[in-house]
Amino acid sequence: MVKIASTFGRSGTHDYILLRASALILASYAVFLIAWLVCNPGVSYADWVGFFGHIGVKIYTLLALTGLLIHAWIGIWQVLTDYVKNSLLRGAIQYVVVIALFVYWFTGLFVLWGV
């Protein structure tokens, strides 16, 4: 079996499971936020701070951010390996995407835990 170092999972099956699990986490998080917004019309800044101040919401949001990172990386990797045949260009694009994803994740982490 050929091991590809740039995949997030260990195999195609593992990537498939990670994609589906991260999609479920992201969908449930979206439903959670929409339900909260429907139940709390006229949300103010203080309401947002109070909502994201709860430890459960912080953990769930961090889980959703991590799921987004995993989902985006696997999706970008699959698209790039299918459509960008030049390995140097593909590696450069993957590098930029990985840096951007980690910057997004750490920004979310610092903003989230700064509340």
PDB file of N, CA and C in Angstrom:
ATOM      1  N   MET A   1       0.845  -1.177   0.000  1.00  0.00           N
ATOM      2  CA  MET A   1       0.000   0.000   0.000  1.00  0.00           C
ATOM      3  C   MET A   1       0.890   1.239   0.000  1.00  0.00           C
ATOM      4  N   VAL A   2       0.543   2.187  -0.805  1.00  0.00           N
ATOM      5  CA  VAL A   2       1.309   3.421  -0.916  1.00  0.00           C
ATOM      6  C   VAL A   2       0.845   4.393   0.156  1.00  0.00           C
ATOM      7  N   LYS A   3       1.770   4.921   0.918  1.00  0.00           N
ATOM      8  CA  LYS A   3       1.454   5.931   1.924  1.00  0.00           C
ATOM      9  C   LYS A   3       1.697   7.305   1.326  1.00  0.00           C
ATOM     10  N   ILE A   4       0.720   8.180   1.406  1.00  0.00           N
ATOM     11  CA  ILE A   4       0.857   9.540   0.914  1.00  0.00           C
ATOM     12  C   ILE A   4       0.922  10.449   2.127  1.00  0.00           C
ATOM     13  N   ALA A   5       2.020  11.167   2.253  1.00  0.00           N
ATOM     14  CA  ALA A   5       2.261  11.960   3.453  1.00  0.00           C
ATOM     15  C   ALA A   5       1.359  13.172   3.552  1.00  0.00           C
ATOM     16  N   SER A   6       0.800  13.630   2.433  1.00  0.00           N
ATOM     17  CA  SER A   6       0.034  14.870   2.476  1.00  0.00           C
ATOM     18  C   SER A   6      -1.442  14.668   2.786  1.00  0.00           C
ATOM     19  N   THR A   7      -1.894  13.421   2.952  1.00  0.00           N
ATOM     20  CA  THR A   7      -3.288  13.223   3.325  1.00  0.00           C
ATOM     21  C   THR A   7      -3.441  13.434   4.813  1.00  0.00           C
ATOM     22  N   PHE A   8      -4.639  13.802   5.236  1.00  0.00           N
ATOM     23  CA  PHE A   8      -4.876  14.032   6.658  1.00  0.00           C
ATOM     24  C   PHE A   8      -5.055  12.717   7.386  1.00  0.00           C
ATOM     25  N   GLY A   9      -5.732  11.798   6.761  1.00  0.00           N
ATOM     26  CA  GLY A   9      -5.941  10.489   7.362  1.00  0.00           C
ATOM     27  C   GLY A   9      -4.876   9.518   6.914  1.00  0.00           C
ATOM     28  N   ARG A  10      -5.049   8.269   7.301  1.00  0.00           N
ATOM     29  CA  ARG A  10      -4.070   7.256   6.943  1.00  0.00           C
ATOM     30  C   ARG A  10      -4.379   6.622   5.593  1.00  0.00           C
ATOM     31  N   SER A  11      -5.637   6.723   5.156  1.00  0.00           N
ATOM     32  CA  SER A  11      -6.032   6.092   3.903  1.00  0.00           C
ATOM     33  C   SER A  11      -7.244   6.824   3.351  1.00  0.00           C
ATOM     34  N   GLY A  12      -7.696   6.403   2.185  1.00  0.00           N
ATOM     35  CA  GLY A  12      -8.882   7.001   1.603  1.00  0.00           C
ATOM     36  C   GLY A  12     -10.119   6.758   2.452  1.00  0.00           C
ATOM     37  N   THR A  13     -10.214   5.578   3.045  1.00  0.00           N
ATOM     38  CA  THR A  13     -11.348   5.276   3.921  1.00  0.00           C
ATOM     39  C   THR A  13     -11.326   6.161   5.161  1.00  0.00           C
ATOM     40  N   HIS A  14     -10.166   6.346   5.720  1.00  0.00           N
ATOM     41  CA  HIS A  14     -10.029   7.194   6.899  1.00  0.00           C
ATOM     42  C   HIS A  14     -10.386   8.647   6.567  1.00  0.00           C
ATOM     43  N   ASP A  15      -9.929   9.123   5.407  1.00  0.00           N
ATOM     44  CA  ASP A  15     -10.294  10.467   4.967  1.00  0.00           C
ATOM     45  C   ASP A  15     -11.800  10.584   4.764  1.00  0.00           C
ATOM     46  N   TYR A  16     -12.410   9.558   4.199  1.00  0.00           N
ATOM     47  CA  TYR A  16     -13.856   9.547   3.974  1.00  0.00           C
ATOM     48  C   TYR A  16     -14.606   9.680   5.303  1.00  0.00           C
ATOM     49  N   ILE A  17     -14.177   8.918   6.287  1.00  0.00           N
ATOM     50  CA  ILE A  17     -14.821   8.971   7.602  1.00  0.00           C
ATOM     51  C   ILE A  17     -14.605  10.334   8.256  1.00  0.00           C
ATOM     52  N   LEU A  18     -13.389  10.869   8.153  1.00  0.00           N
ATOM     53  CA  LEU A  18     -13.118  12.199   8.709  1.00  0.00           C
ATOM     54  C   LEU A  18     -13.972  13.270   8.041  1.00  0.00           C
ATOM     55  N   LEU A  19     -14.140  13.181   6.727  1.00  0.00           N
ATOM     56  CA  LEU A  19     -14.984  14.145   6.012  1.00  0.00           C
ATOM     57  C   LEU A  19     -16.422  14.076   6.494  1.00  0.00           C
ATOM     58  N   ARG A  20     -16.951  12.866   6.616  1.00  0.00           N
ATOM     59  CA  ARG A  20     -18.345  12.728   7.041  1.00  0.00           C
ATOM     60  C   ARG A  20     -18.534  13.160   8.485  1.00  0.00           C
ATOM     61  N   ALA A  21     -17.600  12.819   9.352  1.00  0.00           N
ATOM     62  CA  ALA A  21     -17.703  13.220  10.755  1.00  0.00           C
ATOM     63  C   ALA A  21     -17.607  14.738  10.899  1.00  0.00           C
ATOM     64  N   SER A  22     -16.668  15.354  10.181  1.00  0.00           N
ATOM     65  CA  SER A  22     -16.540  16.808  10.270  1.00  0.00           C
ATOM     66  C   SER A  22     -17.757  17.499   9.665  1.00  0.00           C
ATOM     67  N   ALA A  23     -18.345  16.936   8.619  1.00  0.00           N
ATOM     68  CA  ALA A  23     -19.561  17.508   8.041  1.00  0.00           C
ATOM     69  C   ALA A  23     -20.715  17.434   9.034  1.00  0.00           C
ATOM     70  N   LEU A  24     -20.830  16.329   9.756  1.00  0.00           N
ATOM     71  CA  LEU A  24     -21.882  16.218  10.773  1.00  0.00           C
ATOM     72  C   LEU A  24     -21.689  17.227  11.901  1.00  0.00           C
ATOM     73  N   ILE A  25     -20.442  17.402  12.323  1.00  0.00           N
ATOM     74  CA  ILE A  25     -20.156  18.385  13.375  1.00  0.00           C
ATOM     75  C   ILE A  25     -20.506  19.788  12.901  1.00  0.00           C
ATOM     76  N   LEU A  26     -20.100  20.136  11.677  1.00  0.00           N
ATOM     77  CA  LEU A  26     -20.386  21.468  11.145  1.00  0.00           C
ATOM     78  C   LEU A  26     -21.885  21.687  10.954  1.00  0.00           C
ATOM     79  N   ALA A  27     -22.588  20.680  10.476  1.00  0.00           N
ATOM     80  CA  ALA A  27     -24.041  20.812  10.295  1.00  0.00           C
ATOM     81  C   ALA A  27     -24.747  20.967  11.635  1.00  0.00           C
ATOM     82  N   SER A  28     -24.347  20.177  12.622  1.00  0.00           N
ATOM     83  CA  SER A  28     -24.989  20.289  13.943  1.00  0.00           C
ATOM     84  C   SER A  28     -24.679  21.633  14.593  1.00  0.00           C
ATOM     85  N   TYR A  29     -23.470  22.144  14.364  1.00  0.00           N
ATOM     86  CA  TYR A  29     -23.115  23.454  14.910  1.00  0.00           C
ATOM     87  C   TYR A  29     -23.943  24.551  14.248  1.00  0.00           C
ATOM     88  N   ALA A  30     -24.148  24.456  12.937  1.00  0.00           N
ATOM     89  CA  ALA A  30     -24.968  25.439  12.231  1.00  0.00           C
ATOM     90  C   ALA A  30     -26.409  25.404  12.740  1.00  0.00           C
ATOM     91  N   VAL A  31     -26.958  24.213  12.927  1.00  0.00           N
ATOM     92  CA  VAL A  31     -28.314  24.080  13.465  1.00  0.00           C
ATOM     93  C   VAL A  31     -28.378  24.657  14.876  1.00  0.00           C
ATOM     94  N   PHE A  32     -27.370  24.390  15.677  1.00  0.00           N
ATOM     95  CA  PHE A  32     -27.296  24.914  17.047  1.00  0.00           C
ATOM     96  C   PHE A  32     -27.312  26.439  17.053  1.00  0.00           C
ATOM     97  N   LEU A  33     -26.491  27.063  16.214  1.00  0.00           N
ATOM     98  CA  LEU A  33     -26.446  28.531  16.157  1.00  0.00           C
ATOM     99  C   LEU A  33     -27.750  29.116  15.637  1.00  0.00           C
ATOM    100  N   ILE A  34     -28.313  28.506  14.615  1.00  0.00           N
ATOM    101  CA  ILE A  34     -29.576  29.003  14.063  1.00  0.00           C
ATOM    102  C   ILE A  34     -30.690  28.861  15.094  1.00  0.00           C
ATOM    103  N   ALA A  35     -30.743  27.745  15.784  1.00  0.00           N
ATOM    104  CA  ALA A  35     -31.764  27.555  16.827  1.00  0.00           C
ATOM    105  C   ALA A  35     -31.608  28.598  17.927  1.00  0.00           C
ATOM    106  N   TRP A  36     -30.381  28.889  18.321  1.00  0.00           N
ATOM    107  CA  TRP A  36     -30.161  29.894  19.370  1.00  0.00           C
ATOM    108  C   TRP A  36     -30.598  31.275  18.885  1.00  0.00           C
ATOM    109  N   LEU A  37     -30.287  31.591  17.638  1.00  0.00           N
ATOM    110  CA  LEU A  37     -30.688  32.884  17.095  1.00  0.00           C
ATOM    111  C   LEU A  37     -32.203  33.009  16.970  1.00  0.00           C
ATOM    112  N   VAL A  38     -32.884  31.925  16.609  1.00  0.00           N
ATOM    113  CA  VAL A  38     -34.345  31.950  16.510  1.00  0.00           C
ATOM    114  C   VAL A  38     -34.973  32.122  17.891  1.00  0.00           C
ATOM    115  N   CYS A  39     -34.391  31.473  18.891  1.00  0.00           N
ATOM    116  CA  CYS A  39     -34.925  31.558  20.256  1.00  0.00           C
ATOM    117  C   CYS A  39     -34.577  32.871  20.952  1.00  0.00           C
ATOM    118  N   ASN A  40     -33.619  33.618  20.427  1.00  0.00           N
ATOM    119  CA  ASN A  40     -33.185  34.873  21.033  1.00  0.00           C
ATOM    120  C   ASN A  40     -33.198  35.997  19.995  1.00  0.00           C
ATOM    121  N   PRO A  41     -34.388  36.496  19.645  1.00  0.00           N
ATOM    122  CA  PRO A  41     -34.430  37.586  18.659  1.00  0.00           C
ATOM    123  C   PRO A  41     -33.869  38.876  19.251  1.00  0.00           C
ATOM    124  N   GLY A  42     -33.323  39.717  18.388  1.00  0.00           N
ATOM    125  CA  GLY A  42     -32.769  40.986  18.859  1.00  0.00           C
ATOM    126  C   GLY A  42     -31.521  40.807  19.704  1.00  0.00           C
ATOM    127  N   VAL A  43     -30.594  40.027  19.218  1.00  0.00           N
ATOM    128  CA  VAL A  43     -29.378  39.713  19.973  1.00  0.00           C
ATOM    129  C   VAL A  43     -28.483  40.948  20.044  1.00  0.00           C
ATOM    130  N   SER A  44     -28.007  41.236  21.242  1.00  0.00           N
ATOM    131  CA  SER A  44     -27.077  42.354  21.439  1.00  0.00           C
ATOM    132  C   SER A  44     -25.661  41.803  21.651  1.00  0.00           C
ATOM    133  N   TYR A  45     -24.722  42.731  21.733  1.00  0.00           N
ATOM    134  CA  TYR A  45     -23.332  42.332  21.966  1.00  0.00           C
ATOM    135  C   TYR A  45     -23.203  41.605  23.303  1.00  0.00           C
ATOM    136  N   ALA A  46     -23.899  42.079  24.302  1.00  0.00           N
ATOM    137  CA  ALA A  46     -23.835  41.436  25.619  1.00  0.00           C
ATOM    138  C   ALA A  46     -24.379  40.007  25.560  1.00  0.00           C
ATOM    139  N   ASP A  47     -25.411  39.801  24.739  1.00  0.00           N
ATOM    140  CA  ASP A  47     -25.945  38.446  24.581  1.00  0.00           C
ATOM    141  C   ASP A  47     -24.915  37.524  23.938  1.00  0.00           C
ATOM    142  N   TRP A  48     -24.226  38.024  22.896  1.00  0.00           N
ATOM    143  CA  TRP A  48     -23.192  37.226  22.232  1.00  0.00           C
ATOM    144  C   TRP A  48     -22.069  36.880  23.203  1.00  0.00           C
ATOM    145  N   VAL A  49     -21.641  37.871  23.980  1.00  0.00           N
ATOM    146  CA  VAL A  49     -20.558  37.623  24.949  1.00  0.00           C
ATOM    147  C   VAL A  49     -21.007  36.599  25.978  1.00  0.00           C
ATOM    148  N   GLY A  50     -22.239  36.719  26.445  1.00  0.00           N
ATOM    149  CA  GLY A  50     -22.752  35.749  27.410  1.00  0.00           C
ATOM    150  C   GLY A  50     -22.871  34.360  26.814  1.00  0.00           C
ATOM    151  N   PHE A  51     -23.322  34.291  25.575  1.00  0.00           N
ATOM    152  CA  PHE A  51     -23.479  33.005  24.895  1.00  0.00           C
ATOM    153  C   PHE A  51     -22.139  32.311  24.695  1.00  0.00           C
ATOM    154  N   PHE A  52     -21.169  33.039  24.159  1.00  0.00           N
ATOM    155  CA  PHE A  52     -19.859  32.450  23.909  1.00  0.00           C
ATOM    156  C   PHE A  52     -18.990  32.398  25.156  1.00  0.00           C
ATOM    157  N   GLY A  53     -19.480  32.927  26.257  1.00  0.00           N
ATOM    158  CA  GLY A  53     -18.758  32.837  27.517  1.00  0.00           C
ATOM    159  C   GLY A  53     -18.922  31.492  28.205  1.00  0.00           C
ATOM    160  N   HIS A  54     -19.943  30.741  27.820  1.00  0.00           N
ATOM    161  CA  HIS A  54     -20.166  29.420  28.407  1.00  0.00           C
ATOM    162  C   HIS A  54     -19.108  28.440  27.903  1.00  0.00           C
ATOM    163  N   ILE A  55     -18.594  27.622  28.807  1.00  0.00           N
ATOM    164  CA  ILE A  55     -17.522  26.692  28.468  1.00  0.00           C
ATOM    165  C   ILE A  55     -17.985  25.658  27.435  1.00  0.00           C
ATOM    166  N   GLY A  56     -19.242  25.231  27.512  1.00  0.00           N
ATOM    167  CA  GLY A  56     -19.759  24.264  26.548  1.00  0.00           C
ATOM    168  C   GLY A  56     -19.787  24.818  25.132  1.00  0.00           C
ATOM    169  N   VAL A  57     -20.190  26.079  24.999  1.00  0.00           N
ATOM    170  CA  VAL A  57     -20.223  26.722  23.688  1.00  0.00           C
ATOM    171  C   VAL A  57     -18.805  26.912  23.168  1.00  0.00           C
ATOM    172  N   LYS A  58     -17.886  27.241  24.043  1.00  0.00           N
ATOM    173  CA  LYS A  58     -16.487  27.390  23.622  1.00  0.00           C
ATOM    174  C   LYS A  58     -15.923  26.077  23.099  1.00  0.00           C
ATOM    175  N   ILE A  59     -16.185  25.007  23.799  1.00  0.00           N
ATOM    176  CA  ILE A  59     -15.676  23.696  23.382  1.00  0.00           C
ATOM    177  C   ILE A  59     -16.330  23.274  22.072  1.00  0.00           C
ATOM    178  N   TYR A  60     -17.649  23.485  21.959  1.00  0.00           N
ATOM    179  CA  TYR A  60     -18.356  23.125  20.734  1.00  0.00           C
ATOM    180  C   TYR A  60     -17.860  23.948  19.549  1.00  0.00           C
ATOM    181  N   THR A  61     -17.601  25.234  19.777  1.00  0.00           N
ATOM    182  CA  THR A  61     -17.089  26.088  18.713  1.00  0.00           C
ATOM    183  C   THR A  61     -15.683  25.663  18.311  1.00  0.00           C
ATOM    184  N   LEU A  62     -14.847  25.330  19.268  1.00  0.00           N
ATOM    185  CA  LEU A  62     -13.504  24.851  18.952  1.00  0.00           C
ATOM    186  C   LEU A  62     -13.557  23.524  18.199  1.00  0.00           C
ATOM    187  N   LEU A  63     -14.483  22.657  18.562  1.00  0.00           N
ATOM    188  CA  LEU A  63     -14.679  21.406  17.833  1.00  0.00           C
ATOM    189  C   LEU A  63     -15.115  21.690  16.400  1.00  0.00           C
ATOM    190  N   ALA A  64     -16.012  22.658  16.221  1.00  0.00           N
ATOM    191  CA  ALA A  64     -16.464  23.024  14.877  1.00  0.00           C
ATOM    192  C   ALA A  64     -15.317  23.630  14.065  1.00  0.00           C
ATOM    193  N   LEU A  65     -14.491  24.460  14.684  1.00  0.00           N
ATOM    194  CA  LEU A  65     -13.331  25.017  13.985  1.00  0.00           C
ATOM    195  C   LEU A  65     -12.359  23.923  13.556  1.00  0.00           C
ATOM    196  N   THR A  66     -12.146  22.961  14.426  1.00  0.00           N
ATOM    197  CA  THR A  66     -11.268  21.841  14.095  1.00  0.00           C
ATOM    198  C   THR A  66     -11.871  21.002  12.972  1.00  0.00           C
ATOM    199  N   GLY A  67     -13.176  20.772  13.038  1.00  0.00           N
ATOM    200  CA  GLY A  67     -13.856  20.058  11.965  1.00  0.00           C
ATOM    201  C   GLY A  67     -13.759  20.796  10.641  1.00  0.00           C
ATOM    202  N   LEU A  68     -13.856  22.119  10.701  1.00  0.00           N
ATOM    203  CA  LEU A  68     -13.723  22.921   9.488  1.00  0.00           C
ATOM    204  C   LEU A  68     -12.317  22.804   8.915  1.00  0.00           C
ATOM    205  N   LEU A  69     -11.307  22.813   9.768  1.00  0.00           N
ATOM    206  CA  LEU A  69      -9.930  22.665   9.321  1.00  0.00           C
ATOM    207  C   LEU A  69      -9.730  21.314   8.637  1.00  0.00           C
ATOM    208  N   ILE A  70     -10.211  20.252   9.254  1.00  0.00           N
ATOM    209  CA  ILE A  70     -10.065  18.909   8.690  1.00  0.00           C
ATOM    210  C   ILE A  70     -10.806  18.810   7.372  1.00  0.00           C
ATOM    211  N   HIS A  71     -12.044  19.280   7.354  1.00  0.00           N
ATOM    212  CA  HIS A  71     -12.879  19.195   6.161  1.00  0.00           C
ATOM    213  C   HIS A  71     -12.261  19.985   5.002  1.00  0.00           C
ATOM    214  N   ALA A  72     -11.794  21.180   5.297  1.00  0.00           N
ATOM    215  CA  ALA A  72     -11.201  22.017   4.250  1.00  0.00           C
ATOM    216  C   ALA A  72      -9.907  21.398   3.723  1.00  0.00           C
ATOM    217  N   TRP A  73      -9.072  20.887   4.596  1.00  0.00           N
ATOM    218  CA  TRP A  73      -7.797  20.338   4.147  1.00  0.00           C
ATOM    219  C   TRP A  73      -8.008  19.126   3.244  1.00  0.00           C
ATOM    220  N   ILE A  74      -8.870  18.202   3.656  1.00  0.00           N
ATOM    221  CA  ILE A  74      -9.092  17.007   2.845  1.00  0.00           C
ATOM    222  C   ILE A  74      -9.715  17.395   1.502  1.00  0.00           C
ATOM    223  N   GLY A  75     -10.662  18.308   1.514  1.00  0.00           N
ATOM    224  CA  GLY A  75     -11.286  18.740   0.267  1.00  0.00           C
ATOM    225  C   GLY A  75     -10.307  19.416  -0.670  1.00  0.00           C
ATOM    226  N   ILE A  76      -9.503  20.328  -0.142  1.00  0.00           N
ATOM    227  CA  ILE A  76      -8.506  21.022  -0.971  1.00  0.00           C
ATOM    228  C   ILE A  76      -7.470  20.036  -1.494  1.00  0.00           C
ATOM    229  N   TRP A  77      -7.036  19.110  -0.641  1.00  0.00           N
ATOM    230  CA  TRP A  77      -6.046  18.130  -1.073  1.00  0.00           C
ATOM    231  C   TRP A  77      -6.581  17.286  -2.232  1.00  0.00           C
ATOM    232  N   GLN A  78      -7.848  16.860  -2.123  1.00  0.00           N
ATOM    233  CA  GLN A  78      -8.430  16.045  -3.181  1.00  0.00           C
ATOM    234  C   GLN A  78      -8.562  16.828  -4.484  1.00  0.00           C
ATOM    235  N   VAL A  79      -8.995  18.070  -4.405  1.00  0.00           N
ATOM    236  CA  VAL A  79      -9.140  18.885  -5.611  1.00  0.00           C
ATOM    237  C   VAL A  79      -7.776  19.152  -6.240  1.00  0.00           C
ATOM    238  N   LEU A  80      -6.788  19.493  -5.415  1.00  0.00           N
ATOM    239  CA  LEU A  80      -5.463  19.795  -5.966  1.00  0.00           C
ATOM    240  C   LEU A  80      -4.807  18.568  -6.595  1.00  0.00           C
ATOM    241  N   THR A  81      -4.950  17.406  -5.973  1.00  0.00           N
ATOM    242  CA  THR A  81      -4.340  16.219  -6.563  1.00  0.00           C
ATOM    243  C   THR A  81      -5.036  15.811  -7.856  1.00  0.00           C
ATOM    244  N   ASP A  82      -6.305  16.160  -8.002  1.00  0.00           N
ATOM    245  CA  ASP A  82      -7.023  15.847  -9.241  1.00  0.00           C
ATOM    246  C   ASP A  82      -6.698  16.821 -10.368  1.00  0.00           C
ATOM    247  N   TYR A  83      -6.554  18.099 -10.051  1.00  0.00           N
ATOM    248  CA  TYR A  83      -6.494  19.112 -11.102  1.00  0.00           C
ATOM    249  C   TYR A  83      -5.157  19.816 -11.277  1.00  0.00           C
ATOM    250  N   VAL A  84      -4.275  19.776 -10.290  1.00  0.00           N
ATOM    251  CA  VAL A  84      -2.965  20.433 -10.426  1.00  0.00           C
ATOM    252  C   VAL A  84      -1.924  19.327 -10.553  1.00  0.00           C
ATOM    253  N   LYS A  85      -1.438  19.128 -11.766  1.00  0.00           N
ATOM    254  CA  LYS A  85      -0.520  18.022 -12.029  1.00  0.00           C
ATOM    255  C   LYS A  85       0.943  18.370 -11.738  1.00  0.00           C
ATOM    256  N   ASN A  86       1.287  19.639 -11.773  1.00  0.00           N
ATOM    257  CA  ASN A  86       2.653  20.056 -11.465  1.00  0.00           C
ATOM    258  C   ASN A  86       2.862  19.946  -9.954  1.00  0.00           C
ATOM    259  N   SER A  87       3.747  19.039  -9.541  1.00  0.00           N
ATOM    260  CA  SER A  87       3.908  18.767  -8.109  1.00  0.00           C
ATOM    261  C   SER A  87       4.476  19.954  -7.345  1.00  0.00           C
ATOM    262  N   LEU A  88       5.329  20.749  -7.981  1.00  0.00           N
ATOM    263  CA  LEU A  88       5.888  21.925  -7.302  1.00  0.00           C
ATOM    264  C   LEU A  88       4.800  22.964  -7.045  1.00  0.00           C
ATOM    265  N   LEU A  89       3.967  23.216  -8.032  1.00  0.00           N
ATOM    266  CA  LEU A  89       2.868  24.166  -7.872  1.00  0.00           C
ATOM    267  C   LEU A  89       1.857  23.653  -6.864  1.00  0.00           C
ATOM    268  N   ARG A  90       1.526  22.359  -6.947  1.00  0.00           N
ATOM    269  CA  ARG A  90       0.583  21.764  -6.006  1.00  0.00           C
ATOM    270  C   ARG A  90       1.112  21.856  -4.574  1.00  0.00           C
ATOM    271  N   GLY A  91       2.398  21.583  -4.385  1.00  0.00           N
ATOM    272  CA  GLY A  91       3.002  21.695  -3.054  1.00  0.00           C
ATOM    273  C   GLY A  91       2.975  23.119  -2.529  1.00  0.00           C
ATOM    274  N   ALA A  92       3.218  24.083  -3.408  1.00  0.00           N
ATOM    275  CA  ALA A  92       3.189  25.493  -2.989  1.00  0.00           C
ATOM    276  C   ALA A  92       1.777  25.905  -2.590  1.00  0.00           C
ATOM    277  N   ILE A  93       0.789  25.492  -3.369  1.00  0.00           N
ATOM    278  CA  ILE A  93      -0.601  25.828  -3.031  1.00  0.00           C
ATOM    279  C   ILE A  93      -1.017  25.149  -1.734  1.00  0.00           C
ATOM    280  N   GLN A  94      -0.632  23.894  -1.561  1.00  0.00           N
ATOM    281  CA  GLN A  94      -0.953  23.185  -0.323  1.00  0.00           C
ATOM    282  C   GLN A  94      -0.308  23.860   0.880  1.00  0.00           C
ATOM    283  N   TYR A  95       0.910  24.329   0.720  1.00  0.00           N
ATOM    284  CA  TYR A  95       1.603  25.026   1.802  1.00  0.00           C
ATOM    285  C   TYR A  95       0.843  26.287   2.200  1.00  0.00           C
ATOM    286  N   VAL A  96       0.436  27.070   1.208  1.00  0.00           N
ATOM    287  CA  VAL A  96      -0.307  28.306   1.488  1.00  0.00           C
ATOM    288  C   VAL A  96      -1.639  27.977   2.169  1.00  0.00           C
ATOM    289  N   VAL A  97      -2.321  26.944   1.701  1.00  0.00           N
ATOM    290  CA  VAL A  97      -3.603  26.569   2.287  1.00  0.00           C
ATOM    291  C   VAL A  97      -3.424  26.107   3.728  1.00  0.00           C
ATOM    292  N   VAL A  98      -2.409  25.307   3.992  1.00  0.00           N
ATOM    293  CA  VAL A  98      -2.167  24.833   5.356  1.00  0.00           C
ATOM    294  C   VAL A  98      -1.870  26.000   6.292  1.00  0.00           C
ATOM    295  N   ILE A  99      -1.045  26.935   5.853  1.00  0.00           N
ATOM    296  CA  ILE A  99      -0.746  28.113   6.673  1.00  0.00           C
ATOM    297  C   ILE A  99      -2.018  28.906   6.933  1.00  0.00           C
ATOM    298  N   ALA A 100      -2.832  29.121   5.900  1.00  0.00           N
ATOM    299  CA  ALA A 100      -4.079  29.871   6.066  1.00  0.00           C
ATOM    300  C   ALA A 100      -5.023  29.165   7.029  1.00  0.00           C
ATOM    301  N   LEU A 101      -5.161  27.845   6.908  1.00  0.00           N
ATOM    302  CA  LEU A 101      -6.055  27.105   7.792  1.00  0.00           C
ATOM    303  C   LEU A 101      -5.603  27.192   9.249  1.00  0.00           C
ATOM    304  N   PHE A 102      -4.307  27.065   9.481  1.00  0.00           N
ATOM    305  CA  PHE A 102      -3.824  27.175  10.854  1.00  0.00           C
ATOM    306  C   PHE A 102      -3.956  28.594  11.399  1.00  0.00           C
ATOM    307  N   VAL A 103      -3.770  29.582  10.556  1.00  0.00           N
ATOM    308  CA  VAL A 103      -3.985  30.969  10.991  1.00  0.00           C
ATOM    309  C   VAL A 103      -5.447  31.171  11.367  1.00  0.00           C
ATOM    310  N   TYR A 104      -6.369  30.654  10.549  1.00  0.00           N
ATOM    311  CA  TYR A 104      -7.794  30.753  10.864  1.00  0.00           C
ATOM    312  C   TYR A 104      -8.107  30.052  12.178  1.00  0.00           C
ATOM    313  N   TRP A 105      -7.558  28.855  12.373  1.00  0.00           N
ATOM    314  CA  TRP A 105      -7.846  28.095  13.581  1.00  0.00           C
ATOM    315  C   TRP A 105      -7.316  28.815  14.829  1.00  0.00           C
ATOM    316  N   PHE A 106      -6.072  29.281  14.769  1.00  0.00           N
ATOM    317  CA  PHE A 106      -5.516  29.972  15.931  1.00  0.00           C
ATOM    318  C   PHE A 106      -6.201  31.309  16.181  1.00  0.00           C
ATOM    319  N   THR A 107      -6.606  32.002  15.122  1.00  0.00           N
ATOM    320  CA  THR A 107      -7.361  33.240  15.306  1.00  0.00           C
ATOM    321  C   THR A 107      -8.680  32.941  16.007  1.00  0.00           C
ATOM    322  N   GLY A 108      -9.369  31.901  15.553  1.00  0.00           N
ATOM    323  CA  GLY A 108     -10.608  31.501  16.217  1.00  0.00           C
ATOM    324  C   GLY A 108     -10.374  31.112  17.666  1.00  0.00           C
ATOM    325  N   LEU A 109      -9.295  30.411  17.924  1.00  0.00           N
ATOM    326  CA  LEU A 109      -8.961  30.007  19.289  1.00  0.00           C
ATOM    327  C   LEU A 109      -8.731  31.213  20.181  1.00  0.00           C
ATOM    328  N   PHE A 110      -7.929  32.154  19.713  1.00  0.00           N
ATOM    329  CA  PHE A 110      -7.629  33.330  20.529  1.00  0.00           C
ATOM    330  C   PHE A 110      -8.839  34.233  20.720  1.00  0.00           C
ATOM    331  N   VAL A 111      -9.646  34.382  19.686  1.00  0.00           N
ATOM    332  CA  VAL A 111     -10.864  35.186  19.814  1.00  0.00           C
ATOM    333  C   VAL A 111     -11.849  34.505  20.746  1.00  0.00           C
ATOM    334  N   LEU A 112     -12.005  33.202  20.589  1.00  0.00           N
ATOM    335  CA  LEU A 112     -12.964  32.449  21.386  1.00  0.00           C
ATOM    336  C   LEU A 112     -12.594  32.441  22.863  1.00  0.00           C
ATOM    337  N   TRP A 113     -11.364  32.168  23.178  1.00  0.00           N
ATOM    338  CA  TRP A 113     -10.964  32.088  24.585  1.00  0.00           C
ATOM    339  C   TRP A 113     -10.649  33.448  25.180  1.00  0.00           C
ATOM    340  N   GLY A 114     -10.667  34.487  24.329  1.00  0.00           N
ATOM    341  CA  GLY A 114     -10.505  35.841  24.845  1.00  0.00           C
ATOM    342  C   GLY A 114     -11.794  36.416  25.395  1.00  0.00           C
ATOM    343  N   VAL A 115     -12.923  35.748  25.124  1.00  0.00           N
ATOM    344  CA  VAL A 115     -14.227  36.242  25.599  1.00  0.00           C
ATOM    345  C   VAL A 115     -14.379  35.942  27.067  1.00  0.00           C
TER     346      VAL A 115
END
